[in-house]
Protein backbone atom coordinates (compact mmCIF):
# COMPACT_ATOMS: atom_id res chain seq x y z
CA MET A 1 0.00 0.00 0.00
CA ARG A 2 2.86 2.35 0.82
CA TYR A 3 4.35 2.07 -2.67
CA THR A 4 0.94 2.29 -4.33
CA ALA A 5 0.22 5.56 -2.54
CA ILE A 6 3.57 6.99 -3.61
CA PHE A 7 2.88 5.94 -7.19
CA PHE A 8 -0.45 7.74 -7.38
CA THR A 9 1.11 10.89 -5.91
CA VAL A 10 3.88 10.80 -8.50
CA PHE A 11 1.43 10.03 -11.30
CA ILE A 12 -0.81 12.99 -10.48
CA LEU A 13 2.14 15.38 -10.12
CA ALA A 14 3.37 14.32 -13.52
CA ALA A 15 -0.06 14.74 -15.03
CA CYS A 16 -0.41 18.26 -13.63
CA SER A 17 3.09 19.51 -14.53
CA LYS A 18 3.30 22.53 -16.83
CA ASN A 19 5.83 23.62 -19.40
CA ASN A 20 5.94 27.40 -19.54
CA ASN A 21 8.99 27.45 -21.82
CA PRO A 22 8.24 25.49 -24.99
CA SER A 23 11.28 24.23 -26.81
CA ASN A 24 12.04 24.53 -30.52
CA ASP A 25 13.57 21.29 -31.74
CA ILE A 26 15.26 21.10 -35.12
CA ILE A 27 14.83 17.70 -36.75
CA LYS A 28 17.23 16.73 -39.53
CA LEU A 29 16.01 13.90 -41.73
CA GLY A 30 18.39 11.14 -42.75
CA ASN A 31 18.11 8.15 -45.05
CA ALA A 32 14.62 6.68 -45.05
CA GLU A 33 13.94 2.98 -44.70
CA ASN A 34 12.31 1.79 -47.91
CA LEU A 35 9.10 -0.21 -47.53
CA THR A 36 8.04 -2.83 -50.05
CA ALA A 37 4.36 -2.91 -50.88
CA ILE A 38 1.96 -5.77 -51.45
CA LYS A 39 -0.60 -4.74 -54.05
CA ARG A 40 -4.10 -5.95 -53.23
CA ASN A 41 -6.71 -5.72 -55.99
CA ILE A 42 -10.15 -5.48 -54.46
CA ASP A 43 -13.50 -6.56 -55.84
CA THR A 44 -15.42 -3.31 -55.38
CA ASP A 45 -15.11 0.09 -57.00
CA ILE A 46 -13.20 2.83 -55.19
CA PHE A 47 -13.37 6.01 -57.23
CA ARG A 48 -11.89 8.83 -55.14
CA PRO A 49 -10.36 7.38 -51.94
CA SER A 50 -9.66 10.30 -49.61
CA LYS A 51 -9.17 8.93 -46.10
CA LEU A 52 -8.48 5.58 -44.42
CA PHE A 53 -9.44 4.52 -40.90
CA VAL A 54 -8.77 1.43 -38.79
CA LYS A 55 -11.59 0.57 -36.39
CA ASP A 56 -11.11 -2.70 -34.48
CA ASP A 57 -10.54 -5.35 -37.19
CA ASN A 58 -11.93 -3.18 -39.97
CA LEU A 59 -10.24 -1.03 -42.58
CA ILE A 60 -12.67 1.72 -43.60
CA ILE A 61 -12.06 3.76 -46.75
CA TYR A 62 -13.86 7.05 -47.25
CA ASP A 63 -14.51 7.32 -50.99
CA ASN A 64 -15.39 10.91 -51.92
CA VAL A 65 -18.49 10.10 -53.96
CA PRO A 66 -22.20 10.80 -53.31
CA ASN A 67 -23.32 7.22 -52.70
CA LEU A 68 -21.94 4.32 -50.67
CA PHE A 69 -18.88 6.33 -49.72
CA PHE A 70 -17.68 4.14 -46.83
CA LYS A 71 -16.08 0.88 -48.02
CA VAL A 72 -15.38 -1.63 -45.23
CA PHE A 73 -12.77 -4.41 -45.35
CA ASP A 74 -11.82 -6.99 -42.76
CA LEU A 75 -8.35 -7.17 -41.24
CA PRO A 76 -5.87 -8.65 -41.61
CA ALA A 77 -7.13 -10.35 -44.80
CA VAL A 78 -8.37 -7.07 -46.42
CA ASN A 79 -11.47 -8.74 -47.85
CA TYR A 80 -14.34 -6.49 -48.88
CA LYS A 81 -17.33 -6.68 -46.51
CA PHE A 82 -19.89 -3.98 -47.38
CA SER A 83 -20.44 -0.30 -48.26
CA PHE A 84 -22.43 2.34 -46.42
CA GLY A 85 -23.49 6.00 -46.57
CA ASN A 86 -25.27 8.32 -48.99
CA ILE A 87 -25.50 12.07 -49.43
CA GLY A 88 -29.09 13.27 -49.58
CA GLN A 89 -32.15 14.45 -47.73
CA GLY A 90 -33.82 11.08 -47.13
CA PRO A 91 -33.97 8.89 -44.00
CA GLY A 92 -30.49 7.72 -43.02
CA ASP A 93 -28.79 10.09 -45.48
CA PHE A 94 -26.01 12.53 -44.60
CA ILE A 95 -26.29 16.18 -45.61
CA SER A 96 -22.54 16.41 -46.14
CA ILE A 97 -19.31 14.63 -45.21
CA ASN A 98 -15.91 16.12 -44.37
CA LYS A 99 -13.17 13.50 -44.15
CA GLU A 100 -11.49 15.42 -41.30
CA ASN A 101 -14.69 15.40 -39.22
CA ILE A 102 -14.61 11.64 -38.59
CA ASN A 103 -13.34 10.16 -35.33
CA VAL A 104 -12.52 6.60 -34.34
CA SER A 105 -13.08 5.98 -30.64
CA GLU A 106 -15.43 3.59 -28.87
CA HIS A 107 -17.68 4.24 -31.86
CA PHE A 108 -17.16 5.38 -35.44
CA GLU A 109 -18.21 9.03 -35.18
CA ILE A 110 -19.28 11.21 -38.12
CA LEU A 111 -20.05 14.92 -37.92
CA SER A 112 -22.40 15.79 -40.80
CA ARG A 113 -22.94 19.54 -40.93
CA ASN A 114 -23.89 20.13 -37.26
CA LYS A 115 -25.12 16.67 -36.30
CA LEU A 116 -22.77 14.13 -34.67
CA PHE A 117 -23.61 10.48 -35.44
CA TYR A 118 -22.30 7.45 -33.52
CA PHE A 119 -22.00 4.06 -35.24
CA ASP A 120 -20.85 0.56 -34.40
CA VAL A 121 -19.25 -1.36 -37.25
CA SER A 122 -20.25 -5.02 -37.59
CA ASP A 123 -19.43 -7.58 -40.28
CA THR A 124 -22.39 -6.47 -42.37
CA ALA A 125 -23.44 -2.93 -41.47
CA PHE A 126 -23.02 0.39 -39.71
CA THR A 127 -25.54 0.42 -36.87
CA SER A 128 -26.53 3.44 -34.82
CA ALA A 129 -24.91 3.25 -31.37
CA LYS A 130 -26.76 6.12 -29.74
CA LYS A 131 -28.86 9.18 -30.45
CA PRO A 132 -27.18 11.80 -32.69
CA LEU A 133 -25.96 14.96 -30.97
CA LEU A 134 -26.45 18.52 -32.19
CA VAL A 135 -23.23 20.59 -32.27
CA ILE A 136 -23.90 24.33 -32.41
CA SER A 137 -20.88 26.59 -32.95
CA LYS A 138 -20.18 30.20 -33.83
CA VAL A 139 -18.01 28.76 -36.60
CA ASP A 140 -19.80 27.40 -39.66
CA PRO A 141 -18.84 25.14 -41.28
CA ILE A 142 -16.90 23.17 -38.67
CA ASN A 143 -13.57 21.80 -39.91
CA ASN A 144 -11.03 19.42 -38.35
CA PHE A 145 -13.49 18.19 -35.74
CA LYS A 146 -11.43 15.93 -33.45
CA LYS A 147 -12.33 14.16 -30.23
CA LEU A 148 -10.22 15.44 -27.34
CA SER A 149 -11.93 13.57 -24.48
CA ASP A 150 -15.18 11.77 -23.76
CA SER A 151 -17.10 15.05 -23.77
CA VAL A 152 -14.84 17.62 -25.48
CA TYR A 153 -14.09 18.10 -29.18
CA ILE A 154 -11.60 20.50 -30.76
CA PHE A 155 -11.85 22.11 -34.20
CA ASN A 156 -10.53 25.04 -36.24
CA ASN A 157 -11.40 28.52 -35.04
CA GLU A 158 -11.85 29.95 -38.52
CA ASP A 159 -13.68 33.14 -37.59
CA TYR A 160 -10.47 35.04 -38.32
CA ALA A 161 -12.27 38.18 -39.47
CA LYS A 162 -13.55 38.73 -35.91
CA GLU A 163 -10.88 37.07 -33.82
CA MET A 164 -7.20 36.54 -34.61
CA LYS A 165 -5.90 35.38 -31.24
CA PHE A 166 -6.94 31.74 -30.92
CA GLU A 167 -6.40 28.98 -33.45
CA PHE A 168 -8.93 26.43 -32.13
CA ARG A 169 -12.29 26.08 -30.48
CA THR A 170 -13.58 23.39 -28.16
CA PHE A 171 -17.14 22.15 -27.77
CA ASN A 172 -18.28 20.40 -24.59
CA THR A 173 -21.07 17.93 -25.43
CA HIS A 174 -22.26 17.67 -21.82
CA GLN A 175 -22.38 21.37 -21.01
CA LYS A 176 -23.16 22.49 -24.59
CA THR A 177 -20.51 25.20 -24.20
CA GLU A 178 -17.86 26.49 -26.58
CA GLU A 179 -14.47 28.02 -25.78
CA THR A 180 -11.48 29.35 -27.70
CA PHE A 181 -8.27 27.40 -27.41
CA GLY A 182 -4.54 27.70 -28.30
CA ASP A 183 -2.79 30.92 -29.31
CA ILE A 184 -2.04 31.58 -32.97
CA LEU A 185 1.70 31.62 -33.61
CA LEU A 186 3.27 34.52 -35.47
CA ASP A 187 0.02 36.43 -35.72
CA ASN A 188 0.01 38.82 -38.67
CA LYS A 189 -2.86 41.28 -38.32
CA GLN A 190 -1.94 43.03 -41.59
CA GLU A 191 -2.50 40.05 -43.86
CA LYS A 192 -5.63 39.30 -45.84
CA ILE A 193 -8.14 36.89 -44.28
CA SER A 194 -7.71 34.55 -47.26
CA ASP A 195 -3.96 34.41 -46.55
CA THR A 196 -4.65 33.63 -42.90
CA TYR A 197 -6.80 30.66 -43.88
CA GLN A 198 -4.05 29.39 -46.13
CA ARG A 199 -1.26 30.04 -43.64
CA LEU A 200 -3.05 28.09 -40.91
CA ASN A 201 -4.11 25.22 -43.14
CA LYS A 202 -3.30 22.15 -41.14
CA ASN A 203 -3.92 18.57 -40.16
CA PHE A 204 -3.87 17.51 -36.53
CA CYS A 205 -4.35 14.44 -34.39
CA ILE A 206 -5.13 13.66 -30.77
CA ASN A 207 -3.80 11.31 -28.14
CA ARG A 208 -6.71 11.07 -25.73
CA GLN A 209 -4.73 8.88 -23.33
CA THR A 210 -2.02 11.49 -22.72
CA GLY A 211 -3.95 14.65 -23.59
CA ARG A 212 -1.61 15.63 -26.42
CA ILE A 213 -2.44 17.41 -29.68
CA ALA A 214 -0.01 17.29 -32.63
CA VAL A 215 -0.60 20.01 -35.23
CA PHE A 216 1.02 19.71 -38.68
CA TYR A 217 0.97 22.61 -41.14
CA TYR A 218 0.67 22.18 -44.90
CA HIS A 219 2.71 25.27 -45.77
CA TYR A 220 5.30 25.31 -42.96
CA PRO A 221 8.02 22.69 -42.35
CA MET A 222 6.87 22.78 -38.76
CA PHE A 223 4.59 21.03 -36.29
CA LYS A 224 3.75 21.74 -32.69
CA LEU A 225 2.59 19.84 -29.63
CA LEU A 226 -0.11 21.21 -27.37
CA SER A 227 -1.56 19.97 -24.11
CA ASP A 228 -5.28 19.40 -23.77
CA LYS A 229 -5.38 22.74 -21.91
CA GLY A 230 -4.06 24.61 -24.95
CA GLU A 231 -0.55 25.00 -23.54
CA LEU A 232 2.21 25.04 -26.17
CA LEU A 233 4.67 22.29 -25.25
CA LYS A 234 7.03 22.12 -28.19
CA ILE A 235 7.66 23.32 -31.73
CA CYS A 236 9.56 21.07 -34.13
CA THR A 237 10.97 22.27 -37.45
CA VAL A 238 12.05 19.70 -40.03
CA ASN A 239 15.13 20.16 -42.22
CA CYS A 240 15.42 23.82 -41.22
CA SER A 241 18.38 25.28 -39.34
CA TYR A 242 16.60 28.06 -37.46
CA ASP A 243 14.48 28.65 -34.41
CA PHE A 244 10.85 29.07 -35.47
CA LEU A 245 9.89 31.02 -32.34
CA THR A 246 12.60 33.65 -32.73
CA ASP A 247 13.34 33.69 -36.47
CA GLY A 248 9.86 33.11 -37.83
CA PHE A 249 9.15 31.70 -41.25
CA GLU A 250 7.33 32.99 -44.32
CA PHE A 251 4.75 30.43 -45.23
CA GLN A 252 5.10 29.02 -48.73
CA SER A 253 1.63 28.88 -50.23
CA ASP A 254 2.82 27.00 -53.32
CA LYS A 255 4.62 24.28 -51.36
CA ILE A 256 3.29 21.34 -49.36
CA PHE A 257 5.29 20.10 -46.39
CA PHE A 258 3.04 17.95 -44.14
CA THR A 259 -0.23 16.22 -44.89
CA GLU A 260 -2.29 13.21 -43.76
CA ALA A 261 -1.42 12.84 -40.09
CA TYR A 262 -2.53 9.55 -38.50
CA SER A 263 -2.00 8.69 -34.85
CA THR A 264 -2.17 5.85 -32.36
CA ASP A 265 -1.66 5.83 -28.60
CA ASN A 266 2.04 5.24 -29.23
CA TYR A 267 3.03 7.18 -32.33
CA ILE A 268 2.21 9.89 -34.85
CA TYR A 269 2.52 8.95 -38.52
CA VAL A 270 2.53 11.80 -41.04
CA MET A 271 3.27 12.22 -44.74
CA TRP A 272 6.24 14.47 -45.52
CA VAL A 273 5.82 15.82 -49.06
CA ASN A 274 8.23 18.80 -49.29
CA MET A 275 7.27 19.63 -52.90
CA ASP A 276 5.69 22.40 -54.92
CA LYS A 277 1.99 21.75 -55.50
CA LYS A 278 2.33 22.06 -59.28
CA GLU A 279 5.22 19.62 -59.32
CA ALA A 280 3.34 17.17 -57.12
CA SER A 281 0.15 17.21 -59.19
CA GLY A 282 1.89 17.26 -62.57
CA ASN A 283 4.34 14.40 -62.12
CA MET A 284 3.14 11.36 -60.24
CA GLU A 285 6.46 9.58 -60.64
CA LYS A 286 8.15 12.29 -58.60
CA PHE A 287 5.44 12.38 -55.95
CA LYS A 288 6.87 9.91 -53.43
CA PRO A 289 6.04 11.27 -49.97
CA GLN A 290 7.79 9.76 -46.99
CA ILE A 291 6.04 8.68 -43.83
CA LEU A 292 7.67 10.15 -40.74
CA VAL A 293 6.99 8.54 -37.36
CA PHE A 294 7.20 10.59 -34.18
CA ASN A 295 6.54 9.67 -30.59
CA TRP A 296 4.29 11.92 -28.53
CA ASP A 297 7.32 13.91 -27.34
CA GLY A 298 7.87 15.05 -30.93
CA GLU A 299 10.96 12.86 -31.36
CA LEU A 300 11.54 11.27 -34.76
CA VAL A 301 11.73 7.49 -34.32
CA LYS A 302 11.33 6.22 -37.92
CA GLN A 303 11.49 7.52 -41.46
CA PHE A 304 9.89 5.43 -44.23
CA SER A 305 9.87 5.76 -48.02
CA SER A 306 8.26 3.79 -50.83
CA GLU A 307 7.99 3.83 -54.60
CA ILE A 308 4.24 4.41 -54.42
CA PRO A 309 2.70 7.92 -54.83
CA LEU A 310 0.60 7.65 -51.68
CA ILE A 311 -2.34 9.97 -51.09
CA THR A 312 -3.55 8.70 -47.73
CA PHE A 313 -2.94 5.80 -45.34
CA ALA A 314 -3.90 4.19 -42.05
CA VAL A 315 -1.94 2.12 -39.56
CA SER A 316 -2.77 -1.06 -37.68
CA GLU A 317 -0.18 -1.52 -34.95
CA LYS A 318 -2.07 -4.66 -33.93
CA TYR A 319 -1.24 -6.30 -37.26
CA GLN A 320 1.93 -4.24 -37.82
CA LYS A 321 0.69 -2.95 -41.19
CA ILE A 322 0.36 0.30 -43.09
CA TYR A 323 -2.56 0.38 -45.55
CA ALA A 324 -2.50 3.01 -48.29
CA VAL A 325 -4.01 4.11 -51.59
CA SER A 326 -2.27 5.72 -54.54
CA PHE A 327 -2.61 8.65 -56.96
CA ARG A 328 -1.86 6.57 -60.05
CA GLU A 329 -4.65 5.91 -62.52
CA ASP A 330 -3.70 2.25 -62.87
CA ASP A 331 -4.04 1.83 -59.11
CA ILE A 332 -7.82 2.15 -59.15
CA ASN A 333 -9.49 -0.44 -56.89
CA THR A 334 -6.14 -1.13 -55.25
CA ILE A 335 -5.04 -1.12 -51.63
CA TYR A 336 -1.33 -1.19 -50.86
CA GLU A 337 -0.19 -3.05 -47.79
CA PHE A 338 3.21 -2.46 -46.14
CA SER A 339 4.68 -4.46 -43.29
CA LEU A 340 5.44 -2.04 -40.51
CA PRO A 341 8.99 -2.55 -39.18
CA GLN A 342 9.37 -2.84 -35.46
CA ILE A 343 9.35 0.61 -33.95
CA SER A 344 10.97 1.12 -30.62
CA ALA A 345 10.14 4.22 -28.63
CA VAL A 346 13.67 3.99 -27.26
CA GLU A 347 15.68 3.87 -30.48
CA ASN A 348 18.65 6.23 -30.20
CA THR A 349 17.90 6.68 -26.51
CA LYS A 350 20.87 7.54 -24.30
CA HIS A 351 21.33 5.41 -21.21
CA LYS A 352 22.82 5.83 -17.78
CA GLN A 353 23.67 3.73 -14.72
CA ILE A 354 21.57 4.18 -11.61
CA GLY A 355 21.40 2.24 -8.37
CA ASN A 356 21.71 2.23 -4.61
CA GLN A 357 24.14 0.68 -2.17
CA PHE A 358 22.90 -2.82 -3.15
CA TYR A 359 22.68 -2.87 -6.97
CA THR A 360 23.15 -1.01 -10.25
CA MET A 361 21.37 -1.22 -13.61
CA GLU A 362 21.10 0.65 -16.89
CA VAL A 363 18.05 2.79 -17.67
CA PRO A 364 17.10 5.40 -20.32
CA ASP A 365 18.39 8.84 -19.38
CA TYR A 366 14.83 10.10 -18.82
CA ILE A 367 14.24 7.55 -16.02
CA ASP A 368 15.42 8.13 -12.46
CA PHE A 369 14.56 7.54 -8.82
CA VAL A 370 11.51 9.46 -7.65
CA THR A 371 12.81 9.98 -4.11
CA ASP A 372 16.01 9.39 -2.16
CA ASP A 373 14.33 8.90 1.22
CA ASP A 374 14.17 5.09 1.34
CA ARG A 375 16.51 4.12 -1.47
CA ASN A 376 18.72 1.98 0.80
CA GLN A 377 16.16 0.83 3.37
CA ILE A 378 15.37 -2.85 4.08
CA PHE A 379 11.79 -3.67 5.10
CA PRO A 380 10.16 -6.88 6.41
CA PHE A 381 7.65 -8.41 4.01
CA ASN A 382 5.63 -11.56 4.83
CA GLY A 383 8.54 -13.39 6.38
CA PHE A 384 11.06 -12.06 3.84
CA LEU A 385 13.20 -8.95 3.64
CA MET A 386 12.69 -6.39 0.88
CA ASN A 387 14.28 -3.34 -0.67
CA GLY A 388 11.95 -1.25 -2.84
CA ASN A 389 12.32 1.84 -5.00
CA ILE A 390 10.11 3.75 -7.42
CA LEU A 391 11.40 5.16 -10.68
CA GLY A 392 9.68 7.85 -12.73
CA ASP A 393 9.69 9.29 -16.24
CA LEU A 394 11.21 12.78 -16.10
CA ARG A 395 9.83 13.90 -19.45
CA GLU A 396 7.14 16.56 -19.03
CA THR A 397 5.18 15.61 -22.16
CA LYS A 398 5.03 11.87 -21.48
CA LYS A 399 2.38 10.21 -19.33
CA GLU A 400 2.14 6.65 -20.58
CA LEU A 401 4.83 5.35 -18.19
CA GLY A 402 2.99 5.81 -14.93
CA SER A 403 5.30 3.98 -12.52
CA ILE A 404 8.30 1.62 -12.45
CA GLN A 405 8.96 -0.16 -9.16
CA ILE A 406 12.20 -2.03 -8.55
CA LEU A 407 11.95 -4.46 -5.62
CA TYR A 408 14.03 -7.39 -4.50
CA TYR A 409 13.22 -10.01 -1.85
CA PHE A 410 15.53 -12.25 0.15
CA ILE A 411 16.07 -14.27 3.33
CA GLU A 412 19.38 -14.07 5.15
CA ASP A 413 21.52 -17.20 4.47
CA GLU A 414 18.70 -18.91 2.53
CA PRO A 415 18.90 -18.55 -1.26
CA LEU A 416 15.64 -18.20 -3.16
CA THR A 417 14.84 -19.63 -6.59
CA ILE A 418 12.59 -18.39 -9.38
CA ASN A 419 9.96 -20.84 -8.08
CA SER A 420 9.63 -18.64 -4.99
CA ILE A 421 7.76 -15.92 -6.82
CA ASP A 422 4.32 -17.14 -5.68
CA ASN A 423 5.16 -15.51 -2.34
CA PHE A 424 5.26 -12.10 -4.04
CA LEU A 425 2.12 -12.29 -6.16
CA ASN A 426 -1.29 -11.11 -5.02
CA LYS A 427 -3.25 -14.36 -4.76
CA ASN A 428 -6.54 -12.48 -5.12
CA VAL A 429 -5.63 -11.21 -8.58
CA VAL A 430 -5.85 -13.14 -11.84
CA TYR A 431 -2.82 -12.54 -14.06
CA ASN A 432 -1.91 -13.54 -17.59
CA SER A 433 1.59 -15.00 -17.69
CA GLN A 434 4.51 -15.48 -20.04
CA ASN A 435 7.94 -17.16 -19.73
CA ILE A 436 10.90 -15.26 -21.21
CA THR A 437 14.58 -16.18 -21.52
CA ILE A 438 17.07 -13.39 -22.14
CA ASP A 439 20.84 -13.93 -22.07
CA ASN A 440 20.25 -17.17 -20.13
CA ILE A 441 18.18 -15.30 -17.53
CA GLU A 442 14.84 -16.96 -16.81
CA VAL A 443 12.16 -14.28 -16.56
CA LYS A 444 8.52 -14.75 -15.61
CA ARG A 445 6.13 -12.02 -16.75
CA PHE A 446 2.65 -11.45 -15.29
CA TYR A 447 0.27 -8.80 -16.62
CA ARG A 448 -3.27 -7.54 -16.03
CA THR A 449 -5.66 -4.61 -16.50
CA VAL A 450 -6.51 -2.54 -13.40
CA ASN A 451 -9.76 -0.56 -13.12
CA THR A 452 -9.19 2.20 -10.60
CA VAL A 453 -9.86 5.91 -9.98
CA ASP A 454 -7.48 8.84 -10.24
CA TYR A 455 -6.78 11.55 -7.68
CA TYR A 456 -10.02 13.32 -8.61
CA LYS A 457 -12.13 10.11 -8.27
CA ASN A 458 -12.52 9.76 -12.04
CA PRO A 459 -12.62 6.19 -13.44
CA HIS A 460 -9.20 5.22 -14.72
CA ILE A 461 -7.63 2.18 -16.41
CA LEU A 462 -4.03 1.14 -15.80
CA TYR A 463 -2.01 -1.75 -17.21
CA GLU A 464 0.35 -3.61 -14.89
CA ASN A 465 3.27 -5.79 -15.95
CA LEU A 466 5.45 -7.70 -13.49
CA PHE A 467 8.85 -9.11 -14.49
CA PHE A 468 10.42 -11.57 -12.00
CA PHE A 469 13.94 -13.02 -12.17
CA GLU A 470 16.52 -14.43 -9.77
CA GLN A 471 20.09 -13.32 -9.07
CA ASN A 472 22.42 -14.29 -6.21
CA GLY A 473 19.60 -16.14 -4.42
CA LYS A 474 17.39 -13.05 -4.41
CA ILE A 475 14.15 -12.47 -6.34
CA ILE A 476 13.98 -9.21 -8.29
CA LYS A 477 10.65 -7.75 -9.41
CA ILE A 478 10.27 -4.94 -11.94
CA ASP A 479 6.67 -3.71 -11.65
CA VAL A 480 5.66 -1.49 -14.57
CA THR A 481 2.37 0.43 -14.66
CA THR A 482 1.36 2.14 -17.90
CA THR A 483 -1.60 4.27 -18.93
CA THR A 484 -1.97 2.69 -22.38
CA LYS A 485 -2.29 -0.97 -23.25
CA ASP A 486 0.35 -0.90 -25.98
CA ALA A 487 2.94 1.17 -24.11
CA ILE A 488 4.63 -1.92 -22.68
CA ASP A 489 5.39 -3.08 -26.22
CA SER A 490 6.98 0.26 -27.07
CA TYR A 491 9.32 0.08 -24.06
CA TYR A 492 9.67 -3.69 -23.96
CA ASN A 493 13.32 -3.76 -25.01
CA GLU A 494 14.19 -1.21 -22.35
CA PHE A 495 12.74 -3.35 -19.60
CA LEU A 496 14.63 -6.36 -20.91
CA ASN A 497 17.79 -4.24 -20.93
CA MET A 498 17.16 -3.30 -17.29
CA ILE A 499 16.99 -7.02 -16.49
CA LYS A 500 20.15 -7.82 -18.46
CA THR A 501 22.16 -5.03 -16.81
CA PHE A 502 20.85 -5.47 -13.25
CA SER A 503 23.77 -6.45 -11.00
CA PHE A 504 24.16 -6.75 -7.24
CA LEU A 505 27.23 -5.03 -5.77
């Protein structure tokens, strides 16, 4: 209980931390890893594919046509299942569809004009999940309507003629209230309104688990990270050797830099075009956008290229695939499938040695002890002796690593074996388990989902992973708690490295 209480205190402090001095990171691109595509010819017509979505085990293509504009395919086989959706005035019709006003969450959500529809996607149909919601805003039409939380949506604040301070608006579906959100960078009150629209043309995505917003601009080689409170956390410029905040940058209306951002709980995937619009539209063989992959700290972790002139894509991290469609005329009714190489959130991560008077181990440089108070203390525990410490993630923009506990158990003059671990498991909890061998070290992993409440009594889900191994007759436990289900996979190699480098003094 003592360590659990400390964990929740640390977790809440991390969640409430602020960054009043946003950084400007300069990202230099290197050689991209080329991806080889599998070309899948499909047995239904796709005329103008404009956006791809992954919802559960479904790939959904938005085809920009008046009738049957959602095409649904199963995953991983990519077999056609059914089509859905018509523009019109009749029962079940949509008045209009904007591809950037669609959200994938518990439901497949579609904002049509000012009405928000919620659908479940089965093997044969879209079925209404709940009553549609009316969204009334001072901005009409609503563009880039993205789900920020269970009750809050964010979208473009495009009433620039009246207000030039804020770039976004939020709408609270419970309170039916609307607020402005996020300062406009490099505000230019002398420019024409049409130029302002073009300058702030963007694509953005949301991480609802961590409360992060990544905003990518079409006509700037720049993206920024915001908190869910509108706080600017970081600006990243790509292939530019200047500081955006101090030097500024004239937007290039004839050039496209970023487009088609797609995100998961772990990563942001975005197309990097870096071409003149005329060149891109006039020569399909030259139009070969890369896919850049960033973590939610704005760090580049992968850079992919292909020989396909991609126009849009979606990612299934479950099946480790990228699905895409192409500009080429001979690629009609074609879906391209790429195997997604293993992405580690800790690639290129610097490491350091940490420890106490009993042991040392290697950790990423953003991990350290939370407190020094009890680092070297020995406590009794159910007939054993125990040393326990809590590590924390020092990065201000990262919340998915909630807690890392390092504990070891022993009895004086009585060596323990790996079979002793039943003494250190909660017998009232049902775990999934896995046996791992790494560098001849036998590791037993136990994992489970924890339904709990946060500091403010809000329902909260955590994911616990326990790694047990034996060294020098002592049992070591690394207890990792994350806020997203897939986070453990992203940091998996780091935890194995902690096990490999753990050494008693």
